[in-house]
Amino acid sequence: MFSKTKEPETAPTYQPAAPPKRAPRNGVASVISAELIVRGTLISAGDVQVDGKVDGDIRAAGLVIGEKAIIVGDVYAEEATVRGRVEGSIRARKVQLCATCHVEGNILHEALSVETGAYFEGNCRHTDNPLADAPEAEISPSKSAHGAAPTGTPERRPIPAQSSVAAASPSP
């Protein structure tokens, strides 16, 4: 009486969830493109996406290291997503090591996730405030360097000069 022809059931297929997209803190993220090589310290109160090479430390609120990116230096961020190569320590509240990443260095974190296939050589340690002992600049946008709430304009601090050694040209 109530018989209905059943359609054959198909087995559900597993599809990995795409990483959630989040809106940049200050509108648009700063991008270091694949063709760009930067030598020195990068400091941003907003989000940074690195697809090129950075020889130096990076301090940012949010940091995405692309699959082809290479960072030779330390990373300090509220949130760090690593898809490329990092040769240095990572200090972040939230660290995500993606399957394509290659990290050689220590990680100090509040939350850590590691996808299958990620390469990590070093030590990782949980702490309630991984950025507390970060040298020089406080990264958190929730407080200024004096401990007060931000007033709308970010505090500007001079970036310390770094010594550079000029490469000697080859002799003829």
N, C-alpha and C. Protein backbone atom coordinates (compact mmCIF):
# COMPACT_ATOMS: atom_id res chain seq x y z
N MET A 1 0.81 -1.19 0.00
CA MET A 1 0.00 0.00 0.00
C MET A 1 0.86 1.26 0.00
N PHE A 2 1.85 1.34 0.92
CA PHE A 2 2.72 2.51 0.97
C PHE A 2 4.08 2.22 0.36
N SER A 3 4.13 1.26 -0.48
CA SER A 3 5.43 0.89 -1.04
C SER A 3 5.88 1.91 -2.07
N LYS A 4 7.14 2.22 -1.98
CA LYS A 4 7.76 3.16 -2.89
C LYS A 4 9.06 2.53 -3.34
N THR A 5 9.43 2.78 -4.52
CA THR A 5 10.70 2.22 -4.95
C THR A 5 11.81 3.04 -4.33
N LYS A 6 12.71 2.33 -3.72
CA LYS A 6 13.84 3.00 -3.08
C LYS A 6 14.95 3.19 -4.08
N GLU A 7 15.56 4.37 -4.02
CA GLU A 7 16.73 4.60 -4.84
C GLU A 7 17.92 3.97 -4.14
N PRO A 8 18.84 3.40 -4.91
CA PRO A 8 19.99 2.77 -4.26
C PRO A 8 20.81 3.81 -3.49
N GLU A 9 21.21 3.42 -2.29
CA GLU A 9 22.00 4.34 -1.45
C GLU A 9 23.45 4.30 -1.90
N THR A 10 24.05 5.47 -1.97
CA THR A 10 25.46 5.53 -2.31
C THR A 10 26.23 5.85 -1.05
N ALA A 11 27.41 5.31 -0.96
CA ALA A 11 28.25 5.56 0.21
C ALA A 11 28.71 7.02 0.19
N PRO A 12 28.65 7.68 1.34
CA PRO A 12 29.12 9.07 1.37
C PRO A 12 30.63 9.12 1.12
N THR A 13 31.02 10.12 0.37
CA THR A 13 32.45 10.28 0.10
C THR A 13 33.02 11.34 1.03
N TYR A 14 34.26 11.11 1.46
CA TYR A 14 34.92 12.04 2.36
C TYR A 14 35.56 13.16 1.56
N GLN A 15 35.24 14.37 1.92
CA GLN A 15 35.86 15.54 1.32
C GLN A 15 36.39 16.40 2.45
N PRO A 16 37.69 16.66 2.43
CA PRO A 16 38.24 17.48 3.52
C PRO A 16 37.62 18.87 3.51
N ALA A 17 37.40 19.37 4.70
CA ALA A 17 36.81 20.71 4.82
C ALA A 17 37.82 21.76 4.40
N ALA A 18 37.36 22.72 3.65
CA ALA A 18 38.23 23.83 3.26
C ALA A 18 38.50 24.68 4.48
N PRO A 19 39.73 25.21 4.60
CA PRO A 19 39.99 26.05 5.76
C PRO A 19 39.06 27.25 5.77
N PRO A 20 38.52 27.58 6.93
CA PRO A 20 37.59 28.70 6.97
C PRO A 20 38.27 30.00 6.60
N LYS A 21 37.59 30.78 5.80
CA LYS A 21 38.10 32.10 5.43
C LYS A 21 37.66 33.09 6.50
N ARG A 22 38.59 33.90 6.95
CA ARG A 22 38.22 34.92 7.91
C ARG A 22 38.56 36.27 7.34
N ALA A 23 37.81 37.24 7.73
CA ALA A 23 38.01 38.59 7.21
C ALA A 23 39.27 39.17 7.83
N PRO A 24 40.09 39.85 7.03
CA PRO A 24 41.28 40.49 7.58
C PRO A 24 40.89 41.52 8.64
N ARG A 25 41.78 41.72 9.60
CA ARG A 25 41.49 42.62 10.71
C ARG A 25 41.31 44.07 10.26
N ASN A 26 42.14 44.53 9.33
CA ASN A 26 42.07 45.93 8.91
C ASN A 26 41.69 46.05 7.44
N GLY A 27 40.74 45.27 6.99
CA GLY A 27 40.32 45.37 5.59
C GLY A 27 41.03 44.35 4.72
N VAL A 28 42.15 44.74 4.14
CA VAL A 28 42.86 43.90 3.19
C VAL A 28 44.21 43.49 3.79
N ALA A 29 44.57 42.23 3.61
CA ALA A 29 45.85 41.74 4.11
C ALA A 29 46.99 42.27 3.25
N SER A 30 48.14 42.51 3.86
CA SER A 30 49.34 42.87 3.11
C SER A 30 49.89 41.59 2.51
N VAL A 31 50.35 41.67 1.25
CA VAL A 31 50.80 40.47 0.56
C VAL A 31 52.25 40.64 0.11
N ILE A 32 53.05 39.64 0.41
CA ILE A 32 54.42 39.54 -0.11
C ILE A 32 54.30 38.51 -1.24
N SER A 33 54.35 38.97 -2.47
CA SER A 33 54.09 38.08 -3.61
C SER A 33 55.23 37.11 -3.84
N ALA A 34 54.98 36.11 -4.68
CA ALA A 34 55.93 35.04 -4.93
C ALA A 34 57.24 35.54 -5.53
N GLU A 35 57.22 36.63 -6.24
CA GLU A 35 58.43 37.16 -6.90
C GLU A 35 59.26 38.03 -5.98
N LEU A 36 58.80 38.27 -4.75
CA LEU A 36 59.43 39.24 -3.87
C LEU A 36 60.29 38.57 -2.81
N ILE A 37 61.48 39.12 -2.60
CA ILE A 37 62.37 38.68 -1.53
C ILE A 37 62.55 39.88 -0.60
N VAL A 38 62.27 39.69 0.68
CA VAL A 38 62.38 40.76 1.67
C VAL A 38 63.46 40.38 2.67
N ARG A 39 64.35 41.32 2.96
CA ARG A 39 65.39 41.11 3.97
C ARG A 39 65.16 42.15 5.07
N GLY A 40 64.88 41.66 6.26
CA GLY A 40 64.64 42.56 7.38
C GLY A 40 63.41 42.13 8.15
N THR A 41 63.07 42.89 9.17
CA THR A 41 61.94 42.58 10.03
C THR A 41 60.66 43.20 9.48
N LEU A 42 59.60 42.41 9.41
CA LEU A 42 58.29 42.91 9.00
C LEU A 42 57.41 43.02 10.23
N ILE A 43 56.76 44.18 10.40
CA ILE A 43 55.85 44.39 11.53
C ILE A 43 54.54 44.94 10.98
N SER A 44 53.43 44.27 11.32
CA SER A 44 52.12 44.72 10.88
C SER A 44 51.11 44.54 11.99
N ALA A 45 50.25 45.54 12.18
CA ALA A 45 49.17 45.42 13.14
C ALA A 45 48.00 44.64 12.55
N GLY A 46 48.05 44.40 11.24
CA GLY A 46 46.98 43.67 10.56
C GLY A 46 47.45 42.30 10.11
N ASP A 47 46.83 41.81 9.05
CA ASP A 47 47.13 40.50 8.51
C ASP A 47 48.17 40.59 7.41
N VAL A 48 48.99 39.56 7.30
CA VAL A 48 50.03 39.48 6.28
C VAL A 48 49.96 38.11 5.63
N GLN A 49 50.07 38.10 4.31
CA GLN A 49 50.16 36.85 3.57
C GLN A 49 51.49 36.85 2.85
N VAL A 50 52.29 35.80 3.08
CA VAL A 50 53.61 35.70 2.46
C VAL A 50 53.58 34.57 1.45
N ASP A 51 53.88 34.91 0.20
CA ASP A 51 54.01 33.91 -0.85
C ASP A 51 55.43 33.89 -1.39
N GLY A 52 56.25 34.87 -1.01
CA GLY A 52 57.63 34.96 -1.46
C GLY A 52 58.59 34.50 -0.39
N LYS A 53 59.75 35.16 -0.29
CA LYS A 53 60.76 34.79 0.68
C LYS A 53 61.03 35.96 1.62
N VAL A 54 61.13 35.67 2.90
CA VAL A 54 61.46 36.68 3.90
C VAL A 54 62.66 36.18 4.69
N ASP A 55 63.75 36.96 4.64
CA ASP A 55 64.93 36.69 5.46
C ASP A 55 64.86 37.66 6.63
N GLY A 56 64.23 37.26 7.70
CA GLY A 56 64.07 38.12 8.87
C GLY A 56 62.83 37.72 9.64
N ASP A 57 62.60 38.39 10.75
CA ASP A 57 61.46 38.09 11.61
C ASP A 57 60.19 38.73 11.06
N ILE A 58 59.05 38.12 11.39
CA ILE A 58 57.75 38.66 11.02
C ILE A 58 56.90 38.77 12.27
N ARG A 59 56.33 39.96 12.48
CA ARG A 59 55.40 40.20 13.58
C ARG A 59 54.11 40.71 12.96
N ALA A 60 53.02 39.97 13.18
CA ALA A 60 51.74 40.35 12.58
C ALA A 60 50.60 39.84 13.44
N ALA A 61 49.44 40.45 13.27
CA ALA A 61 48.26 39.97 13.98
C ALA A 61 47.84 38.61 13.42
N GLY A 62 47.75 38.54 12.10
CA GLY A 62 47.42 37.29 11.43
C GLY A 62 48.42 37.04 10.34
N LEU A 63 48.90 35.81 10.20
CA LEU A 63 49.92 35.51 9.21
C LEU A 63 49.56 34.23 8.48
N VAL A 64 49.59 34.29 7.15
CA VAL A 64 49.41 33.11 6.31
C VAL A 64 50.68 32.96 5.50
N ILE A 65 51.31 31.80 5.62
CA ILE A 65 52.52 31.50 4.89
C ILE A 65 52.14 30.54 3.78
N GLY A 66 52.21 31.02 2.53
CA GLY A 66 51.77 30.25 1.37
C GLY A 66 52.65 29.04 1.11
N GLU A 67 52.18 28.15 0.23
CA GLU A 67 52.86 26.88 -0.06
C GLU A 67 54.27 27.07 -0.59
N LYS A 68 54.52 28.08 -1.39
CA LYS A 68 55.84 28.30 -1.98
C LYS A 68 56.69 29.27 -1.15
N ALA A 69 56.16 29.79 -0.06
CA ALA A 69 56.84 30.79 0.75
C ALA A 69 57.96 30.17 1.57
N ILE A 70 58.99 31.00 1.82
CA ILE A 70 60.11 30.59 2.67
C ILE A 70 60.36 31.72 3.67
N ILE A 71 60.34 31.38 4.94
CA ILE A 71 60.63 32.33 6.00
C ILE A 71 61.88 31.83 6.71
N VAL A 72 62.92 32.65 6.74
CA VAL A 72 64.13 32.32 7.49
C VAL A 72 64.21 33.36 8.59
N GLY A 73 63.63 33.05 9.72
CA GLY A 73 63.54 33.97 10.84
C GLY A 73 62.41 33.53 11.76
N ASP A 74 62.18 34.30 12.78
CA ASP A 74 61.16 33.97 13.76
C ASP A 74 59.82 34.60 13.40
N VAL A 75 58.74 33.93 13.81
CA VAL A 75 57.38 34.37 13.53
C VAL A 75 56.68 34.64 14.85
N TYR A 76 56.04 35.81 14.95
CA TYR A 76 55.25 36.20 16.11
C TYR A 76 53.89 36.65 15.59
N ALA A 77 52.80 35.99 16.03
CA ALA A 77 51.48 36.34 15.52
C ALA A 77 50.39 35.90 16.49
N GLU A 78 49.24 36.52 16.35
CA GLU A 78 48.07 36.05 17.07
C GLU A 78 47.63 34.71 16.46
N GLU A 79 47.55 34.67 15.13
CA GLU A 79 47.18 33.45 14.40
C GLU A 79 48.15 33.24 13.26
N ALA A 80 48.69 32.03 13.14
CA ALA A 80 49.63 31.72 12.07
C ALA A 80 49.18 30.44 11.37
N THR A 81 49.00 30.53 10.06
CA THR A 81 48.70 29.37 9.23
C THR A 81 49.92 29.12 8.35
N VAL A 82 50.50 27.95 8.47
CA VAL A 82 51.75 27.65 7.76
C VAL A 82 51.48 26.59 6.70
N ARG A 83 51.66 26.99 5.44
CA ARG A 83 51.54 26.05 4.32
C ARG A 83 52.90 25.84 3.65
N GLY A 84 53.83 26.77 3.88
CA GLY A 84 55.15 26.73 3.26
C GLY A 84 56.23 26.38 4.26
N ARG A 85 57.42 26.95 4.04
CA ARG A 85 58.62 26.60 4.81
C ARG A 85 58.96 27.70 5.82
N VAL A 86 59.24 27.29 7.05
CA VAL A 86 59.69 28.21 8.10
C VAL A 86 60.94 27.61 8.74
N GLU A 87 62.02 28.39 8.73
CA GLU A 87 63.25 28.00 9.41
C GLU A 87 63.46 28.99 10.54
N GLY A 88 62.88 28.70 11.68
CA GLY A 88 62.93 29.59 12.84
C GLY A 88 61.79 29.25 13.77
N SER A 89 61.75 29.93 14.90
CA SER A 89 60.71 29.63 15.87
C SER A 89 59.40 30.33 15.52
N ILE A 90 58.31 29.75 16.02
CA ILE A 90 56.98 30.32 15.83
C ILE A 90 56.38 30.52 17.22
N ARG A 91 55.93 31.75 17.48
CA ARG A 91 55.22 32.07 18.72
C ARG A 91 53.89 32.65 18.31
N ALA A 92 52.81 31.93 18.60
CA ALA A 92 51.48 32.42 18.21
C ALA A 92 50.43 31.81 19.12
N ARG A 93 49.35 32.54 19.27
CA ARG A 93 48.25 32.01 20.06
C ARG A 93 47.64 30.80 19.38
N LYS A 94 47.44 30.90 18.07
CA LYS A 94 46.83 29.80 17.33
C LYS A 94 47.74 29.49 16.14
N VAL A 95 48.22 28.24 16.08
CA VAL A 95 49.11 27.82 15.01
C VAL A 95 48.45 26.66 14.27
N GLN A 96 48.42 26.77 12.94
CA GLN A 96 47.91 25.68 12.11
C GLN A 96 49.02 25.27 11.14
N LEU A 97 49.48 24.02 11.26
CA LEU A 97 50.47 23.47 10.36
C LEU A 97 49.73 22.64 9.31
N CYS A 98 49.72 23.12 8.09
CA CYS A 98 49.01 22.44 7.01
C CYS A 98 49.85 21.31 6.44
N ALA A 99 49.23 20.46 5.64
CA ALA A 99 49.88 19.27 5.10
C ALA A 99 51.11 19.59 4.26
N THR A 100 51.15 20.76 3.65
CA THR A 100 52.25 21.12 2.75
C THR A 100 53.39 21.85 3.45
N CYS A 101 53.30 22.05 4.76
CA CYS A 101 54.31 22.86 5.45
C CYS A 101 55.58 22.08 5.78
N HIS A 102 56.65 22.85 5.99
CA HIS A 102 57.95 22.31 6.41
C HIS A 102 58.49 23.28 7.45
N VAL A 103 58.44 22.90 8.70
CA VAL A 103 58.85 23.78 9.79
C VAL A 103 60.05 23.17 10.51
N GLU A 104 61.12 23.95 10.60
CA GLU A 104 62.30 23.56 11.36
C GLU A 104 62.52 24.62 12.42
N GLY A 105 62.06 24.36 13.62
CA GLY A 105 62.19 25.31 14.71
C GLY A 105 61.18 25.00 15.80
N ASN A 106 61.27 25.70 16.89
CA ASN A 106 60.38 25.47 18.01
C ASN A 106 59.08 26.25 17.86
N ILE A 107 58.02 25.71 18.45
CA ILE A 107 56.71 26.36 18.42
C ILE A 107 56.22 26.56 19.84
N LEU A 108 55.89 27.79 20.17
CA LEU A 108 55.27 28.14 21.45
C LEU A 108 53.86 28.59 21.11
N HIS A 109 52.85 27.94 21.67
CA HIS A 109 51.48 28.16 21.20
C HIS A 109 50.47 28.09 22.34
N GLU A 110 49.31 28.62 22.06
CA GLU A 110 48.16 28.46 22.94
C GLU A 110 47.27 27.34 22.38
N ALA A 111 47.16 27.29 21.05
CA ALA A 111 46.40 26.22 20.37
C ALA A 111 47.20 25.81 19.14
N LEU A 112 47.30 24.51 18.91
CA LEU A 112 48.08 23.99 17.79
C LEU A 112 47.30 22.91 17.08
N SER A 113 47.25 23.00 15.74
CA SER A 113 46.66 21.92 14.95
C SER A 113 47.65 21.54 13.86
N VAL A 114 47.75 20.23 13.61
CA VAL A 114 48.71 19.70 12.65
C VAL A 114 47.97 18.76 11.71
N GLU A 115 48.01 19.06 10.42
CA GLU A 115 47.38 18.19 9.44
C GLU A 115 48.30 17.03 9.11
N THR A 116 47.73 15.94 8.66
CA THR A 116 48.50 14.79 8.22
C THR A 116 49.37 15.21 7.04
N GLY A 117 50.65 14.86 7.10
CA GLY A 117 51.58 15.20 6.03
C GLY A 117 52.45 16.39 6.35
N ALA A 118 52.13 17.13 7.40
CA ALA A 118 52.94 18.28 7.78
C ALA A 118 54.30 17.81 8.29
N TYR A 119 55.36 18.56 7.94
CA TYR A 119 56.70 18.24 8.42
C TYR A 119 57.05 19.23 9.50
N PHE A 120 57.41 18.73 10.68
CA PHE A 120 57.78 19.59 11.80
C PHE A 120 58.96 18.96 12.53
N GLU A 121 60.05 19.71 12.61
CA GLU A 121 61.22 19.25 13.35
C GLU A 121 61.56 20.32 14.37
N GLY A 122 61.38 19.98 15.63
CA GLY A 122 61.63 20.92 16.70
C GLY A 122 60.81 20.54 17.91
N ASN A 123 60.70 21.45 18.85
CA ASN A 123 59.90 21.22 20.05
C ASN A 123 58.70 22.13 20.02
N CYS A 124 57.59 21.64 20.56
CA CYS A 124 56.43 22.51 20.71
C CYS A 124 56.02 22.49 22.17
N ARG A 125 55.55 23.65 22.61
CA ARG A 125 55.17 23.78 24.02
C ARG A 125 53.95 24.67 24.12
N HIS A 126 52.99 24.23 24.92
CA HIS A 126 51.79 25.01 25.17
C HIS A 126 52.07 26.04 26.26
N THR A 127 51.51 27.23 26.08
CA THR A 127 51.58 28.27 27.10
C THR A 127 50.33 29.13 26.98
N ASP A 128 49.94 29.74 28.07
CA ASP A 128 48.74 30.59 28.05
C ASP A 128 48.97 31.89 27.29
N ASN A 129 50.20 32.37 27.25
CA ASN A 129 50.49 33.60 26.54
C ASN A 129 51.82 33.48 25.80
N PRO A 130 51.81 32.92 24.58
CA PRO A 130 53.06 32.70 23.86
C PRO A 130 53.76 33.99 23.43
N LEU A 131 53.04 35.09 23.40
CA LEU A 131 53.63 36.35 22.95
C LEU A 131 54.14 37.20 24.11
N ALA A 132 54.02 36.71 25.34
CA ALA A 132 54.39 37.50 26.51
C ALA A 132 55.86 37.88 26.51
N ASP A 133 56.72 36.98 26.11
CA ASP A 133 58.16 37.26 26.12
C ASP A 133 58.69 37.60 24.75
N ALA A 134 57.81 37.94 23.82
CA ALA A 134 58.26 38.29 22.47
C ALA A 134 59.12 39.54 22.55
N PRO A 135 60.26 39.54 21.90
CA PRO A 135 61.16 40.69 21.99
C PRO A 135 60.57 41.95 21.37
N GLU A 136 60.84 43.06 21.98
CA GLU A 136 60.57 44.41 21.49
C GLU A 136 59.11 44.80 21.42
N ALA A 137 58.35 44.33 20.45
CA ALA A 137 57.01 44.86 20.20
C ALA A 137 55.93 43.92 20.69
N GLU A 138 54.89 44.46 21.27
CA GLU A 138 53.73 43.66 21.60
C GLU A 138 52.83 43.65 20.38
N ILE A 139 52.40 42.47 19.98
CA ILE A 139 51.67 42.32 18.73
C ILE A 139 50.18 42.48 18.92
N SER A 140 49.68 42.14 20.08
CA SER A 140 48.25 42.11 20.31
C SER A 140 47.62 43.46 20.02
N PRO A 141 46.59 43.50 19.13
CA PRO A 141 45.94 44.77 18.83
C PRO A 141 45.02 45.22 19.96
N SER A 142 44.81 44.37 20.98
CA SER A 142 43.89 44.73 22.04
C SER A 142 44.50 45.68 23.06
N LYS A 143 45.83 45.80 23.06
CA LYS A 143 46.49 46.71 24.00
C LYS A 143 47.63 47.42 23.31
N SER A 144 47.88 48.62 23.73
CA SER A 144 49.05 49.33 23.22
C SER A 144 50.25 48.96 24.09
N ALA A 145 51.39 49.51 23.80
CA ALA A 145 52.61 49.20 24.55
C ALA A 145 52.50 49.65 26.01
N HIS A 146 51.62 50.60 26.29
CA HIS A 146 51.48 51.11 27.65
C HIS A 146 50.39 50.41 28.43
N GLY A 147 49.74 49.40 27.83
CA GLY A 147 48.72 48.63 28.52
C GLY A 147 47.33 49.21 28.42
N ALA A 148 47.15 50.33 27.76
CA ALA A 148 45.83 50.94 27.63
C ALA A 148 45.15 50.43 26.36
N ALA A 149 43.86 50.57 26.32
CA ALA A 149 43.12 50.16 25.13
C ALA A 149 43.47 51.09 23.98
N PRO A 150 43.44 50.60 22.74
CA PRO A 150 43.79 51.44 21.60
C PRO A 150 42.81 52.59 21.43
N THR A 151 43.30 53.69 20.88
CA THR A 151 42.46 54.87 20.71
C THR A 151 42.02 55.07 19.27
N GLY A 152 42.23 54.10 18.43
CA GLY A 152 41.81 54.24 17.04
C GLY A 152 42.99 54.32 16.09
N THR A 153 44.05 54.97 16.49
CA THR A 153 45.24 55.03 15.66
C THR A 153 46.32 54.17 16.30
N PRO A 154 46.93 53.29 15.51
CA PRO A 154 47.95 52.44 16.10
C PRO A 154 49.16 53.26 16.51
N GLU A 155 49.77 52.82 17.59
CA GLU A 155 50.96 53.51 18.07
C GLU A 155 52.11 53.20 17.11
N ARG A 156 52.84 54.22 16.73
CA ARG A 156 53.97 54.02 15.82
C ARG A 156 55.25 54.04 16.62
N ARG A 157 56.02 52.98 16.47
CA ARG A 157 57.30 52.90 17.13
C ARG A 157 58.37 52.82 16.07
N PRO A 158 59.51 53.44 16.29
CA PRO A 158 60.57 53.35 15.28
C PRO A 158 61.09 51.92 15.20
N ILE A 159 61.41 51.53 14.00
CA ILE A 159 61.99 50.21 13.78
C ILE A 159 63.49 50.36 13.95
N PRO A 160 64.09 49.53 14.82
CA PRO A 160 65.52 49.69 15.05
C PRO A 160 66.32 49.42 13.78
N ALA A 161 67.36 50.20 13.60
CA ALA A 161 68.21 50.03 12.42
C ALA A 161 68.95 48.72 12.54
N GLN A 162 69.08 48.05 11.42
CA GLN A 162 69.81 46.79 11.40
C GLN A 162 71.06 46.99 10.58
N SER A 163 72.15 46.40 11.04
CA SER A 163 73.37 46.52 10.27
C SER A 163 73.30 45.60 9.07
N SER A 164 73.82 46.04 7.98
CA SER A 164 73.85 45.20 6.80
C SER A 164 75.26 45.17 6.27
N VAL A 165 75.64 44.06 5.72
CA VAL A 165 76.96 43.90 5.18
C VAL A 165 76.84 43.85 3.68
N ALA A 166 77.55 44.74 3.01
CA ALA A 166 77.48 44.77 1.55
C ALA A 166 78.26 43.57 1.01
N ALA A 167 77.69 42.95 0.02
CA ALA A 167 78.35 41.79 -0.59
C ALA A 167 79.50 42.28 -1.44
N ALA A 168 80.61 41.60 -1.31
CA ALA A 168 81.79 41.97 -2.12
C ALA A 168 81.60 41.48 -3.54
N SER A 169 81.95 42.33 -4.48
CA SER A 169 81.80 41.92 -5.88
C SER A 169 82.98 41.01 -6.25
N PRO A 170 82.71 40.02 -7.10
CA PRO A 170 83.78 39.09 -7.45
C PRO A 170 84.90 39.81 -8.20
N SER A 171 86.12 39.41 -7.92
CA SER A 171 87.26 40.04 -8.58
C SER A 171 87.44 39.47 -9.98
N PRO A 172 87.83 40.33 -10.94
CA PRO A 172 87.94 39.86 -12.33
C PRO A 172 89.09 38.92 -12.56
